[in-house]
Amino acid sequence: GGALEWSEQHHTEFKLEKTVLICLSREYILSEDNPRKTVPAPHPAITIHNHIIQPSKSHKFLSLIVDKNLNYKEHAAYTLTKDTKYTMACTRMIQPAKGIHGKLMKRLFEGVIIPKMLYTTEMWCSGLVAKSRSNQRGGRGARGFTSQMTRVQHMATLLITRGLRSSATNMLNAHTNILPFQQILWKACFRVTLRMATLPSIHPLAKDIQTAQNTICSHC
């Protein structure tokens, strides 16, 4: 039944080899080998037409790596690697004798690197912003990611200003008129929140967003 029955009726076969199973759960149980240690709870596999699909820890869906704990650590690491690669590629266009001007490099950073850096930021970046303080759980990992992304931005501002590597990050941000990376995260999250809050009442998501807003306000 369901999707498989529909595929047979419409002569559209699904590739079960490409089917991925992810069990979204943060449940931990005591280890059988060491009772003092906890391990992730096991999840059963599923069988579709004699094809066994084992649970996967993560999967890339629409350029977003979704993991079973929904903490998006793998996607954050993937984003850091990708943005570092883009920034390093820009060094080929910045040469002392020939190359593009710093203003063009700034436009490239703001128009290409930052949008790719913060793609689907409303999904995976909001938790990092909320955990940026040390008195909250997970704050150390969030600060670590932010500091690493700040280094990538530091590389870009050095290319824009052609300054020394020992130049202070705050000074480079001021000269290039670029916000600190933590503020860029806040700005991206606020932009998405504003868009959702101003959706018309006829939008399919307007009712659910209003319900979520009322729930949050009731707990404030």
N, C-alpha and C. Protein backbone atom coordinates (compact mmCIF):
# COMPACT_ATOMS: atom_id res chain seq x y z
N GLY A 1 0.80 -1.19 0.00
CA GLY A 1 0.00 0.00 0.00
C GLY A 1 0.84 1.26 0.00
N GLY A 2 0.19 2.39 -0.01
CA GLY A 2 0.89 3.65 0.07
C GLY A 2 1.65 3.98 -1.19
N ALA A 3 2.90 4.42 -1.01
CA ALA A 3 3.72 4.87 -2.14
C ALA A 3 4.04 3.73 -3.09
N LEU A 4 4.26 2.52 -2.58
CA LEU A 4 4.58 1.40 -3.45
C LEU A 4 3.40 1.03 -4.34
N GLU A 5 2.21 1.06 -3.79
CA GLU A 5 1.02 0.78 -4.59
C GLU A 5 0.83 1.85 -5.67
N TRP A 6 1.08 3.10 -5.31
CA TRP A 6 0.98 4.19 -6.28
C TRP A 6 1.99 4.02 -7.40
N SER A 7 3.21 3.59 -7.06
CA SER A 7 4.25 3.40 -8.08
C SER A 7 3.88 2.29 -9.05
N GLU A 8 3.24 1.23 -8.56
CA GLU A 8 2.83 0.15 -9.44
C GLU A 8 1.69 0.57 -10.35
N GLN A 9 0.75 1.35 -9.83
CA GLN A 9 -0.38 1.79 -10.64
C GLN A 9 0.05 2.78 -11.72
N HIS A 10 1.07 3.59 -11.45
CA HIS A 10 1.51 4.60 -12.40
C HIS A 10 2.79 4.18 -13.13
N HIS A 11 3.18 2.91 -12.96
CA HIS A 11 4.35 2.37 -13.65
C HIS A 11 5.60 3.22 -13.37
N THR A 12 5.74 3.61 -12.13
CA THR A 12 6.91 4.38 -11.69
C THR A 12 7.57 3.63 -10.54
N GLU A 13 8.71 3.06 -10.82
CA GLU A 13 9.38 2.22 -9.85
C GLU A 13 10.33 3.04 -8.97
N PHE A 14 10.27 2.79 -7.66
CA PHE A 14 11.18 3.44 -6.72
C PHE A 14 12.46 2.63 -6.61
N LYS A 15 13.58 3.33 -6.54
CA LYS A 15 14.86 2.69 -6.30
C LYS A 15 15.06 2.51 -4.80
N LEU A 16 14.81 1.28 -4.34
CA LEU A 16 14.95 1.02 -2.90
C LEU A 16 16.40 1.12 -2.44
N GLU A 17 17.36 1.00 -3.38
CA GLU A 17 18.76 1.14 -3.00
C GLU A 17 19.09 2.55 -2.54
N LYS A 18 18.30 3.53 -3.00
CA LYS A 18 18.52 4.92 -2.62
C LYS A 18 17.70 5.34 -1.41
N THR A 19 16.91 4.43 -0.87
CA THR A 19 16.09 4.76 0.29
C THR A 19 16.94 4.75 1.56
N VAL A 20 16.79 5.77 2.38
CA VAL A 20 17.57 5.92 3.60
C VAL A 20 16.63 5.98 4.79
N LEU A 21 17.02 5.32 5.86
CA LEU A 21 16.23 5.31 7.10
C LEU A 21 17.00 6.04 8.19
N ILE A 22 16.38 7.06 8.78
CA ILE A 22 16.97 7.80 9.89
C ILE A 22 15.96 7.81 11.03
N CYS A 23 16.35 7.32 12.17
CA CYS A 23 15.51 7.32 13.37
C CYS A 23 15.88 8.53 14.21
N LEU A 24 15.02 9.51 14.25
CA LEU A 24 15.29 10.75 14.98
C LEU A 24 15.03 10.51 16.46
N SER A 25 16.11 10.33 17.21
CA SER A 25 15.98 10.04 18.64
C SER A 25 17.29 10.39 19.34
N ARG A 26 17.16 10.92 20.56
CA ARG A 26 18.31 11.20 21.41
C ARG A 26 18.33 10.29 22.63
N GLU A 27 17.67 9.18 22.53
CA GLU A 27 17.57 8.25 23.66
C GLU A 27 18.88 7.51 23.85
N TYR A 28 19.31 7.40 25.10
CA TYR A 28 20.51 6.66 25.46
C TYR A 28 20.14 5.58 26.49
N ILE A 29 20.84 4.46 26.40
CA ILE A 29 20.63 3.36 27.33
C ILE A 29 21.97 2.97 27.93
N LEU A 30 21.91 2.20 29.02
CA LEU A 30 23.13 1.74 29.66
C LEU A 30 23.82 0.69 28.80
N SER A 31 25.12 0.78 28.74
CA SER A 31 25.90 -0.17 27.94
C SER A 31 25.94 -1.52 28.63
N GLU A 32 25.86 -2.58 27.85
CA GLU A 32 25.93 -3.92 28.42
C GLU A 32 27.33 -4.26 28.88
N ASP A 33 28.35 -3.72 28.22
CA ASP A 33 29.73 -3.99 28.60
C ASP A 33 30.15 -3.18 29.81
N ASN A 34 29.68 -1.94 29.90
CA ASN A 34 30.05 -1.07 30.99
C ASN A 34 28.79 -0.39 31.52
N PRO A 35 28.24 -0.81 32.65
CA PRO A 35 26.99 -0.24 33.17
C PRO A 35 27.08 1.24 33.50
N ARG A 36 28.29 1.77 33.68
CA ARG A 36 28.47 3.18 33.99
C ARG A 36 28.46 4.06 32.74
N LYS A 37 28.42 3.45 31.60
CA LYS A 37 28.47 4.19 30.35
C LYS A 37 27.16 4.06 29.60
N THR A 38 26.75 5.15 28.95
CA THR A 38 25.53 5.14 28.16
C THR A 38 25.88 5.17 26.68
N VAL A 39 25.08 4.49 25.89
CA VAL A 39 25.28 4.41 24.45
C VAL A 39 23.95 4.73 23.77
N PRO A 40 23.98 5.17 22.52
CA PRO A 40 22.72 5.44 21.80
C PRO A 40 21.85 4.19 21.72
N ALA A 41 20.57 4.37 21.88
CA ALA A 41 19.64 3.24 21.82
C ALA A 41 19.61 2.67 20.40
N PRO A 42 19.63 1.34 20.27
CA PRO A 42 19.59 0.74 18.92
C PRO A 42 18.21 0.90 18.29
N HIS A 43 18.19 0.94 16.98
CA HIS A 43 16.94 1.09 16.23
C HIS A 43 16.85 -0.03 15.21
N PRO A 44 15.68 -0.59 15.04
CA PRO A 44 15.53 -1.72 14.11
C PRO A 44 15.55 -1.26 12.67
N ALA A 45 15.90 -2.18 11.80
CA ALA A 45 15.85 -1.93 10.37
C ALA A 45 14.45 -2.22 9.84
N ILE A 46 14.18 -1.77 8.63
CA ILE A 46 12.90 -2.02 7.99
C ILE A 46 13.13 -2.81 6.70
N THR A 47 12.13 -3.57 6.30
CA THR A 47 12.21 -4.40 5.10
C THR A 47 11.10 -4.00 4.14
N ILE A 48 11.48 -3.65 2.93
CA ILE A 48 10.53 -3.28 1.88
C ILE A 48 10.81 -4.15 0.67
N HIS A 49 9.87 -5.02 0.33
CA HIS A 49 10.02 -5.91 -0.83
C HIS A 49 11.33 -6.70 -0.75
N ASN A 50 11.55 -7.33 0.40
CA ASN A 50 12.74 -8.15 0.64
C ASN A 50 14.03 -7.34 0.59
N HIS A 51 13.93 -6.04 0.70
CA HIS A 51 15.11 -5.18 0.72
C HIS A 51 15.25 -4.59 2.13
N ILE A 52 16.33 -4.95 2.80
CA ILE A 52 16.55 -4.52 4.18
C ILE A 52 17.26 -3.17 4.18
N ILE A 53 16.69 -2.22 4.91
CA ILE A 53 17.26 -0.88 5.01
C ILE A 53 17.70 -0.66 6.46
N GLN A 54 18.99 -0.51 6.66
CA GLN A 54 19.54 -0.30 8.00
C GLN A 54 19.46 1.18 8.37
N PRO A 55 19.30 1.48 9.66
CA PRO A 55 19.27 2.89 10.09
C PRO A 55 20.60 3.58 9.81
N SER A 56 20.53 4.81 9.38
CA SER A 56 21.71 5.61 9.08
C SER A 56 21.84 6.73 10.10
N LYS A 57 23.07 7.13 10.37
CA LYS A 57 23.30 8.21 11.33
C LYS A 57 22.96 9.58 10.76
N SER A 58 23.15 9.76 9.47
CA SER A 58 22.87 11.05 8.84
C SER A 58 22.64 10.84 7.36
N HIS A 59 22.07 11.86 6.73
CA HIS A 59 21.82 11.81 5.29
C HIS A 59 21.72 13.23 4.77
N LYS A 60 22.22 13.43 3.57
CA LYS A 60 22.18 14.74 2.93
C LYS A 60 20.90 14.86 2.12
N PHE A 61 20.06 15.81 2.49
CA PHE A 61 18.77 16.01 1.83
C PHE A 61 18.63 17.49 1.46
N LEU A 62 18.55 17.76 0.16
CA LEU A 62 18.45 19.13 -0.34
C LEU A 62 19.57 20.01 0.20
N SER A 63 20.80 19.47 0.10
CA SER A 63 22.03 20.18 0.53
C SER A 63 22.10 20.40 2.03
N LEU A 64 21.24 19.74 2.81
CA LEU A 64 21.27 19.85 4.26
C LEU A 64 21.51 18.46 4.85
N ILE A 65 22.57 18.32 5.63
CA ILE A 65 22.90 17.05 6.26
C ILE A 65 22.09 16.93 7.55
N VAL A 66 21.14 16.01 7.56
CA VAL A 66 20.27 15.78 8.71
C VAL A 66 20.80 14.58 9.47
N ASP A 67 21.06 14.75 10.75
CA ASP A 67 21.53 13.65 11.59
C ASP A 67 20.42 13.20 12.53
N LYS A 68 20.62 12.06 13.14
CA LYS A 68 19.55 11.47 13.94
C LYS A 68 19.29 12.25 15.23
N ASN A 69 20.27 13.03 15.72
CA ASN A 69 20.08 13.82 16.93
C ASN A 69 19.57 15.23 16.64
N LEU A 70 19.51 15.60 15.38
CA LEU A 70 19.06 16.93 14.96
C LEU A 70 19.89 18.05 15.60
N ASN A 71 21.17 17.80 15.78
CA ASN A 71 22.05 18.88 16.26
C ASN A 71 22.88 19.49 15.12
N TYR A 72 22.84 18.87 13.94
CA TYR A 72 23.44 19.41 12.72
C TYR A 72 24.93 19.68 12.87
N LYS A 73 25.61 18.87 13.66
CA LYS A 73 27.05 19.06 13.79
C LYS A 73 27.77 18.68 12.50
N GLU A 74 27.31 17.63 11.84
CA GLU A 74 27.95 17.22 10.59
C GLU A 74 27.77 18.29 9.52
N HIS A 75 26.59 18.91 9.48
CA HIS A 75 26.38 19.96 8.49
C HIS A 75 27.22 21.19 8.80
N ALA A 76 27.40 21.49 10.08
CA ALA A 76 28.25 22.63 10.45
C ALA A 76 29.70 22.38 10.03
N ALA A 77 30.18 21.15 10.23
CA ALA A 77 31.54 20.82 9.80
C ALA A 77 31.66 20.87 8.28
N TYR A 78 30.62 20.39 7.59
CA TYR A 78 30.62 20.44 6.13
C TYR A 78 30.61 21.89 5.63
N THR A 79 29.84 22.74 6.29
CA THR A 79 29.80 24.16 5.91
C THR A 79 31.14 24.83 6.12
N LEU A 80 31.80 24.51 7.22
CA LEU A 80 33.12 25.09 7.50
C LEU A 80 34.13 24.69 6.44
N THR A 81 34.12 23.42 6.06
CA THR A 81 35.06 22.95 5.03
C THR A 81 34.78 23.60 3.68
N LYS A 82 33.50 23.70 3.33
CA LYS A 82 33.13 24.28 2.03
C LYS A 82 33.49 25.75 1.95
N ASP A 83 33.22 26.51 3.02
CA ASP A 83 33.50 27.94 2.99
C ASP A 83 34.99 28.23 3.02
N THR A 84 35.75 27.38 3.72
CA THR A 84 37.20 27.54 3.70
C THR A 84 37.74 27.31 2.29
N LYS A 85 37.17 26.35 1.59
CA LYS A 85 37.59 26.07 0.22
C LYS A 85 37.27 27.24 -0.69
N TYR A 86 36.08 27.84 -0.53
CA TYR A 86 35.71 29.00 -1.36
C TYR A 86 36.63 30.18 -1.09
N THR A 87 36.94 30.42 0.18
CA THR A 87 37.79 31.56 0.52
C THR A 87 39.21 31.36 0.01
N MET A 88 39.71 30.13 0.11
CA MET A 88 41.04 29.86 -0.40
C MET A 88 41.10 30.00 -1.91
N ALA A 89 39.99 29.67 -2.58
CA ALA A 89 39.96 29.83 -4.03
C ALA A 89 40.02 31.31 -4.44
N CYS A 90 39.50 32.17 -3.57
CA CYS A 90 39.52 33.61 -3.87
C CYS A 90 40.92 34.19 -3.80
N THR A 91 41.86 33.51 -3.12
CA THR A 91 43.23 34.02 -3.04
C THR A 91 43.89 34.05 -4.41
N ARG A 92 43.40 33.22 -5.34
CA ARG A 92 43.99 33.22 -6.68
C ARG A 92 43.62 34.48 -7.45
N MET A 93 42.53 35.11 -7.04
CA MET A 93 42.11 36.33 -7.74
C MET A 93 42.70 37.59 -7.12
N ILE A 94 43.34 37.46 -5.97
CA ILE A 94 43.94 38.60 -5.28
C ILE A 94 45.45 38.45 -5.36
N GLN A 95 46.09 39.22 -6.20
CA GLN A 95 47.52 39.17 -6.36
C GLN A 95 48.09 40.58 -6.16
N PRO A 96 49.34 40.71 -5.65
CA PRO A 96 49.91 42.04 -5.44
C PRO A 96 50.02 42.86 -6.72
N ALA A 97 50.45 42.22 -7.81
CA ALA A 97 50.65 42.96 -9.06
C ALA A 97 49.39 43.00 -9.91
N LYS A 98 48.61 41.95 -9.91
CA LYS A 98 47.40 41.90 -10.72
C LYS A 98 46.31 41.15 -9.93
N GLY A 99 45.11 41.44 -10.24
CA GLY A 99 44.00 40.81 -9.54
C GLY A 99 42.84 41.79 -9.39
N ILE A 100 41.76 41.30 -8.80
CA ILE A 100 40.58 42.15 -8.63
C ILE A 100 40.79 43.11 -7.47
N HIS A 101 39.99 44.16 -7.46
CA HIS A 101 40.08 45.18 -6.41
C HIS A 101 39.42 44.65 -5.13
N GLY A 102 39.81 45.24 -4.01
CA GLY A 102 39.25 44.82 -2.73
C GLY A 102 37.74 45.00 -2.65
N LYS A 103 37.20 46.04 -3.31
CA LYS A 103 35.75 46.25 -3.31
C LYS A 103 35.02 45.10 -3.99
N LEU A 104 35.61 44.59 -5.08
CA LEU A 104 35.01 43.46 -5.77
C LEU A 104 35.10 42.19 -4.93
N MET A 105 36.19 42.06 -4.20
CA MET A 105 36.34 40.91 -3.32
C MET A 105 35.31 40.94 -2.20
N LYS A 106 35.00 42.13 -1.70
CA LYS A 106 33.98 42.26 -0.67
C LYS A 106 32.62 41.86 -1.21
N ARG A 107 32.31 42.30 -2.44
CA ARG A 107 31.03 41.92 -3.04
C ARG A 107 30.97 40.41 -3.25
N LEU A 108 32.08 39.82 -3.62
CA LEU A 108 32.12 38.37 -3.81
C LEU A 108 31.91 37.65 -2.48
N PHE A 109 32.49 38.18 -1.42
CA PHE A 109 32.34 37.56 -0.11
C PHE A 109 30.90 37.67 0.39
N GLU A 110 30.32 38.87 0.25
CA GLU A 110 28.96 39.08 0.74
C GLU A 110 27.89 38.47 -0.18
N GLY A 111 28.20 38.35 -1.47
CA GLY A 111 27.19 37.86 -2.40
C GLY A 111 27.27 36.38 -2.71
N VAL A 112 28.43 35.75 -2.44
CA VAL A 112 28.59 34.33 -2.77
C VAL A 112 28.93 33.51 -1.53
N ILE A 113 29.98 33.89 -0.83
CA ILE A 113 30.48 33.05 0.26
C ILE A 113 29.51 33.04 1.44
N ILE A 114 29.06 34.22 1.87
CA ILE A 114 28.14 34.27 3.02
C ILE A 114 26.81 33.58 2.72
N PRO A 115 26.16 33.80 1.57
CA PRO A 115 24.92 33.05 1.29
C PRO A 115 25.12 31.54 1.27
N LYS A 116 26.24 31.07 0.72
CA LYS A 116 26.50 29.63 0.75
C LYS A 116 26.82 29.16 2.16
N MET A 117 27.45 30.03 2.93
CA MET A 117 27.78 29.70 4.31
C MET A 117 26.52 29.54 5.16
N LEU A 118 25.53 30.37 4.93
CA LEU A 118 24.33 30.39 5.75
C LEU A 118 23.13 29.81 5.02
N TYR A 119 23.36 28.90 4.09
CA TYR A 119 22.24 28.25 3.40
C TYR A 119 21.47 27.38 4.39
N THR A 120 20.15 27.49 4.36
CA THR A 120 19.24 26.80 5.31
C THR A 120 19.63 27.12 6.76
N THR A 121 20.07 28.35 6.99
CA THR A 121 20.51 28.71 8.33
C THR A 121 19.40 28.62 9.36
N GLU A 122 18.13 28.80 8.94
CA GLU A 122 17.03 28.72 9.88
C GLU A 122 16.85 27.31 10.44
N MET A 123 17.45 26.32 9.77
CA MET A 123 17.32 24.93 10.22
C MET A 123 18.43 24.54 11.19
N TRP A 124 19.67 24.86 10.84
CA TRP A 124 20.79 24.33 11.61
C TRP A 124 21.53 25.37 12.43
N CYS A 125 21.31 26.65 12.16
CA CYS A 125 22.12 27.67 12.81
C CYS A 125 21.46 28.27 14.05
N SER A 126 20.14 28.13 14.17
CA SER A 126 19.45 28.73 15.31
C SER A 126 19.90 28.13 16.63
N GLY A 127 20.16 26.83 16.64
CA GLY A 127 20.64 26.20 17.87
C GLY A 127 22.02 26.69 18.27
N LEU A 128 22.88 26.95 17.29
CA LEU A 128 24.21 27.46 17.60
C LEU A 128 24.15 28.86 18.18
N VAL A 129 23.24 29.68 17.67
CA VAL A 129 23.08 31.03 18.20
C VAL A 129 22.54 30.98 19.62
N ALA A 130 21.58 30.08 19.88
CA ALA A 130 20.98 30.00 21.21
C ALA A 130 21.96 29.45 22.23
N LYS A 131 22.96 28.68 21.78
CA LYS A 131 23.91 28.06 22.70
C LYS A 131 25.24 28.78 22.72
N SER A 132 25.24 30.03 22.41
CA SER A 132 26.50 30.76 22.32
C SER A 132 27.05 31.18 23.67
N ARG A 133 26.28 30.99 24.74
CA ARG A 133 26.74 31.37 26.06
C ARG A 133 27.22 30.14 26.82
N SER A 134 28.19 30.37 27.67
CA SER A 134 28.81 29.24 28.37
C SER A 134 27.93 28.65 29.44
N ASN A 135 26.90 29.37 29.91
CA ASN A 135 26.07 28.84 30.98
C ASN A 135 24.96 27.96 30.46
N GLN A 136 24.96 27.68 29.16
CA GLN A 136 23.96 26.80 28.59
C GLN A 136 24.64 25.56 28.06
N ARG A 137 23.89 24.48 28.02
CA ARG A 137 24.44 23.23 27.55
C ARG A 137 24.79 23.32 26.07
N GLY A 138 25.94 22.82 25.70
CA GLY A 138 26.36 22.85 24.32
C GLY A 138 27.01 24.15 23.91
N GLY A 139 27.22 25.08 24.83
CA GLY A 139 27.79 26.36 24.46
C GLY A 139 29.22 26.26 23.97
N ARG A 140 29.98 25.30 24.50
CA ARG A 140 31.38 25.17 24.09
C ARG A 140 31.48 24.81 22.62
N GLY A 141 30.66 23.86 22.15
CA GLY A 141 30.69 23.48 20.74
C GLY A 141 30.26 24.62 19.84
N ALA A 142 29.24 25.38 20.28
CA ALA A 142 28.77 26.50 19.48
C ALA A 142 29.85 27.58 19.38
N ARG A 143 30.52 27.86 20.49
CA ARG A 143 31.58 28.86 20.46
C ARG A 143 32.73 28.40 19.59
N GLY A 144 33.01 27.08 19.61
CA GLY A 144 34.08 26.56 18.77
C GLY A 144 33.77 26.72 17.30
N PHE A 145 32.53 26.43 16.91
CA PHE A 145 32.14 26.61 15.51
C PHE A 145 32.20 28.07 15.11
N THR A 146 31.72 28.95 15.98
CA THR A 146 31.73 30.38 15.67
C THR A 146 33.15 30.90 15.51
N SER A 147 34.05 30.45 16.38
CA SER A 147 35.44 30.90 16.28
C SER A 147 36.09 30.40 15.00
N GLN A 148 35.75 29.18 14.57
CA GLN A 148 36.31 28.66 13.33
C GLN A 148 35.78 29.42 12.11
N MET A 149 34.49 29.73 12.13
CA MET A 149 33.94 30.51 11.03
C MET A 149 34.47 31.94 11.05
N THR A 150 34.80 32.46 12.23
CA THR A 150 35.41 33.79 12.32
C THR A 150 36.77 33.79 11.65
N ARG A 151 37.49 32.69 11.74
CA ARG A 151 38.78 32.59 11.07
C ARG A 151 38.62 32.65 9.56
N VAL A 152 37.58 32.01 9.06
CA VAL A 152 37.31 32.07 7.61
C VAL A 152 37.01 33.51 7.20
N GLN A 153 36.21 34.19 8.00
CA GLN A 153 35.91 35.60 7.70
C GLN A 153 37.16 36.45 7.82
N HIS A 154 38.03 36.12 8.76
CA HIS A 154 39.30 36.85 8.91
C HIS A 154 40.14 36.71 7.65
N MET A 155 40.15 35.51 7.06
CA MET A 155 40.88 35.31 5.81
C MET A 155 40.30 36.17 4.70
N ALA A 156 38.98 36.27 4.64
CA ALA A 156 38.34 37.07 3.59
C ALA A 156 38.64 38.56 3.78
N THR A 157 38.58 39.05 5.00
CA THR A 157 38.86 40.47 5.23
C THR A 157 40.33 40.80 4.96
N LEU A 158 41.22 39.84 5.17
CA LEU A 158 42.62 40.07 4.81
C LEU A 158 42.76 40.20 3.30
N LEU A 159 42.00 39.40 2.55
CA LEU A 159 42.06 39.51 1.09
C LEU A 159 41.48 40.84 0.62
N ILE A 160 40.45 41.32 1.32
CA ILE A 160 39.82 42.59 0.91
C ILE A 160 40.75 43.77 1.16
N THR A 161 41.34 43.79 2.35
CA THR A 161 42.19 44.92 2.74
C THR A 161 43.65 44.73 2.36
N ARG A 162 44.03 43.47 2.05
CA ARG A 162 45.42 43.13 1.78
C ARG A 162 46.31 43.54 2.96
N GLY A 163 45.80 43.28 4.14
CA GLY A 163 46.54 43.63 5.34
C GLY A 163 47.45 42.51 5.80
N LEU A 164 48.06 42.72 6.94
CA LEU A 164 48.97 41.74 7.52
C LEU A 164 48.17 40.65 8.23
N ARG A 165 48.76 39.47 8.30
CA ARG A 165 48.07 38.36 8.96
C ARG A 165 47.90 38.60 10.45
N SER A 166 48.75 39.43 11.01
CA SER A 166 48.66 39.72 12.45
C SER A 166 47.65 40.81 12.76
N SER A 167 46.94 41.31 11.76
CA SER A 167 45.96 42.37 12.00
C SER A 167 44.81 41.83 12.84
N ALA A 168 44.29 42.68 13.71
CA ALA A 168 43.19 42.28 14.59
C ALA A 168 41.91 42.09 13.78
N THR A 169 41.11 41.10 14.18
CA THR A 169 39.87 40.80 13.46
C THR A 169 38.88 41.95 13.56
N ASN A 170 38.76 42.55 14.74
CA ASN A 170 37.82 43.66 14.91
C ASN A 170 38.19 44.85 14.04
N MET A 171 39.48 45.10 13.91
CA MET A 171 39.92 46.22 13.08
C MET A 171 39.63 45.95 11.61
N LEU A 172 39.84 44.71 11.16
CA LEU A 172 39.56 44.37 9.77
C LEU A 172 38.06 44.46 9.48
N ASN A 173 37.24 44.01 10.43
CA ASN A 173 35.79 44.11 10.24
C ASN A 173 35.34 45.56 10.14
N ALA A 174 35.96 46.43 10.94
CA ALA A 174 35.59 47.85 10.90
C ALA A 174 36.01 48.49 9.58
N HIS A 175 37.20 48.17 9.09
CA HIS A 175 37.68 48.77 7.85
C HIS A 175 36.89 48.27 6.64
N THR A 176 36.46 47.03 6.66
CA THR A 176 35.70 46.47 5.53
C THR A 176 34.20 46.66 5.68
N ASN A 177 33.77 47.20 6.83
CA ASN A 177 32.34 47.41 7.09
C ASN A 177 31.57 46.09 7.01
N ILE A 178 32.13 45.05 7.63
CA ILE A 178 31.50 43.73 7.69
C ILE A 178 31.21 43.40 9.15
N LEU A 179 30.02 42.91 9.42
CA LEU A 179 29.64 42.57 10.78
C LEU A 179 30.47 41.40 11.30
N PRO A 180 30.69 41.33 12.63
CA PRO A 180 31.28 40.12 13.20
C PRO A 180 30.42 38.91 12.88
N PHE A 181 31.05 37.74 12.81
CA PHE A 181 30.32 36.57 12.35
C PHE A 181 29.15 36.23 13.26
N GLN A 182 29.31 36.41 14.57
CA GLN A 182 28.20 36.13 15.48
C GLN A 182 27.00 37.02 15.18
N GLN A 183 27.26 38.28 14.83
CA GLN A 183 26.18 39.18 14.46
C GLN A 183 25.57 38.81 13.11
N ILE A 184 26.38 38.24 12.22
CA ILE A 184 25.84 37.76 10.94
C ILE A 184 24.87 36.62 11.17
N LEU A 185 25.18 35.75 12.13
CA LEU A 185 24.26 34.66 12.46
C LEU A 185 22.95 35.21 13.00
N TRP A 186 23.04 36.16 13.93
CA TRP A 186 21.83 36.76 14.48
C TRP A 186 21.00 37.42 13.38
N LYS A 187 21.65 38.15 12.49
CA LYS A 187 20.95 38.85 11.43
C LYS A 187 20.22 37.87 10.51
N ALA A 188 20.87 36.76 10.19
CA ALA A 188 20.23 35.76 9.33
C ALA A 188 19.01 35.15 10.01
N CYS A 189 19.14 34.82 11.29
CA CYS A 189 18.01 34.22 12.02
C CYS A 189 16.87 35.23 12.19
N PHE A 190 17.20 36.48 12.46
CA PHE A 190 16.16 37.50 12.60
C PHE A 190 15.44 37.74 11.27
N ARG A 191 16.17 37.68 10.17
CA ARG A 191 15.55 37.89 8.86
C ARG A 191 14.52 36.79 8.57
N VAL A 192 14.89 35.54 8.86
CA VAL A 192 13.96 34.43 8.63
C VAL A 192 12.76 34.53 9.57
N THR A 193 13.01 34.91 10.83
CA THR A 193 11.91 35.05 11.79
C THR A 193 10.95 36.15 11.36
N LEU A 194 11.49 37.25 10.85
CA LEU A 194 10.64 38.35 10.39
C LEU A 194 9.80 37.93 9.19
N ARG A 195 10.38 37.18 8.30
CA ARG A 195 9.63 36.71 7.13
C ARG A 195 8.47 35.79 7.55
N MET A 196 8.74 34.91 8.50
CA MET A 196 7.67 34.01 8.95
C MET A 196 6.60 34.75 9.72
N ALA A 197 7.00 35.77 10.49
CA ALA A 197 6.03 36.51 11.29
C ALA A 197 5.13 37.40 10.44
N THR A 198 5.58 37.76 9.25
CA THR A 198 4.81 38.65 8.39
C THR A 198 4.12 37.92 7.24
N LEU A 199 4.00 36.60 7.34
CA LEU A 199 3.30 35.85 6.29
C LEU A 199 1.81 36.20 6.31
N PRO A 200 1.16 36.28 5.16
CA PRO A 200 -0.29 36.56 5.14
C PRO A 200 -1.08 35.41 5.74
N SER A 201 -2.27 35.71 6.17
CA SER A 201 -3.10 34.70 6.84
C SER A 201 -3.49 33.56 5.92
N ILE A 202 -3.46 33.77 4.60
CA ILE A 202 -3.83 32.72 3.66
C ILE A 202 -2.67 31.76 3.38
N HIS A 203 -1.50 32.05 3.91
CA HIS A 203 -0.34 31.18 3.69
C HIS A 203 -0.53 29.87 4.44
N PRO A 204 -0.15 28.72 3.86
CA PRO A 204 -0.35 27.44 4.54
C PRO A 204 0.36 27.31 5.89
N LEU A 205 1.47 28.04 6.08
CA LEU A 205 2.23 27.94 7.32
C LEU A 205 1.83 29.00 8.36
N ALA A 206 0.97 29.92 8.00
CA ALA A 206 0.64 31.04 8.89
C ALA A 206 0.01 30.55 10.19
N LYS A 207 -0.88 29.59 10.11
CA LYS A 207 -1.58 29.10 11.31
C LYS A 207 -0.62 28.39 12.26
N ASP A 208 0.25 27.54 11.71
CA ASP A 208 1.21 26.82 12.56
C ASP A 208 2.21 27.77 13.19
N ILE A 209 2.64 28.79 12.46
CA ILE A 209 3.58 29.76 13.02
C ILE A 209 2.93 30.56 14.14
N GLN A 210 1.67 30.91 13.97
CA GLN A 210 0.96 31.64 15.01
C GLN A 210 0.78 30.79 16.25
N THR A 211 0.52 29.50 16.06
CA THR A 211 0.40 28.58 17.20
C THR A 211 1.72 28.46 17.95
N ALA A 212 2.81 28.34 17.19
CA ALA A 212 4.13 28.25 17.83
C ALA A 212 4.46 29.53 18.58
N GLN A 213 4.08 30.67 18.02
CA GLN A 213 4.34 31.95 18.69
C GLN A 213 3.55 32.05 19.99
N ASN A 214 2.29 31.64 19.99
CA ASN A 214 1.49 31.69 21.21
C ASN A 214 2.03 30.75 22.27
N THR A 215 2.56 29.60 21.83
CA THR A 215 3.12 28.65 22.79
C THR A 215 4.36 29.22 23.45
N ILE A 216 5.22 29.87 22.66
CA ILE A 216 6.44 30.45 23.22
C ILE A 216 6.10 31.60 24.16
N CYS A 217 5.13 32.43 23.76
CA CYS A 217 4.77 33.58 24.61
C CYS A 217 4.16 33.12 25.93
N SER A 218 3.45 32.00 25.92
CA SER A 218 2.84 31.51 27.16
C SER A 218 3.86 30.99 28.16
N HIS A 219 5.06 30.62 27.67
CA HIS A 219 6.12 30.11 28.54
C HIS A 219 7.12 31.20 28.91
N CYS A 220 6.92 32.41 28.42
CA CYS A 220 7.84 33.50 28.74
C CYS A 220 7.55 34.08 30.12
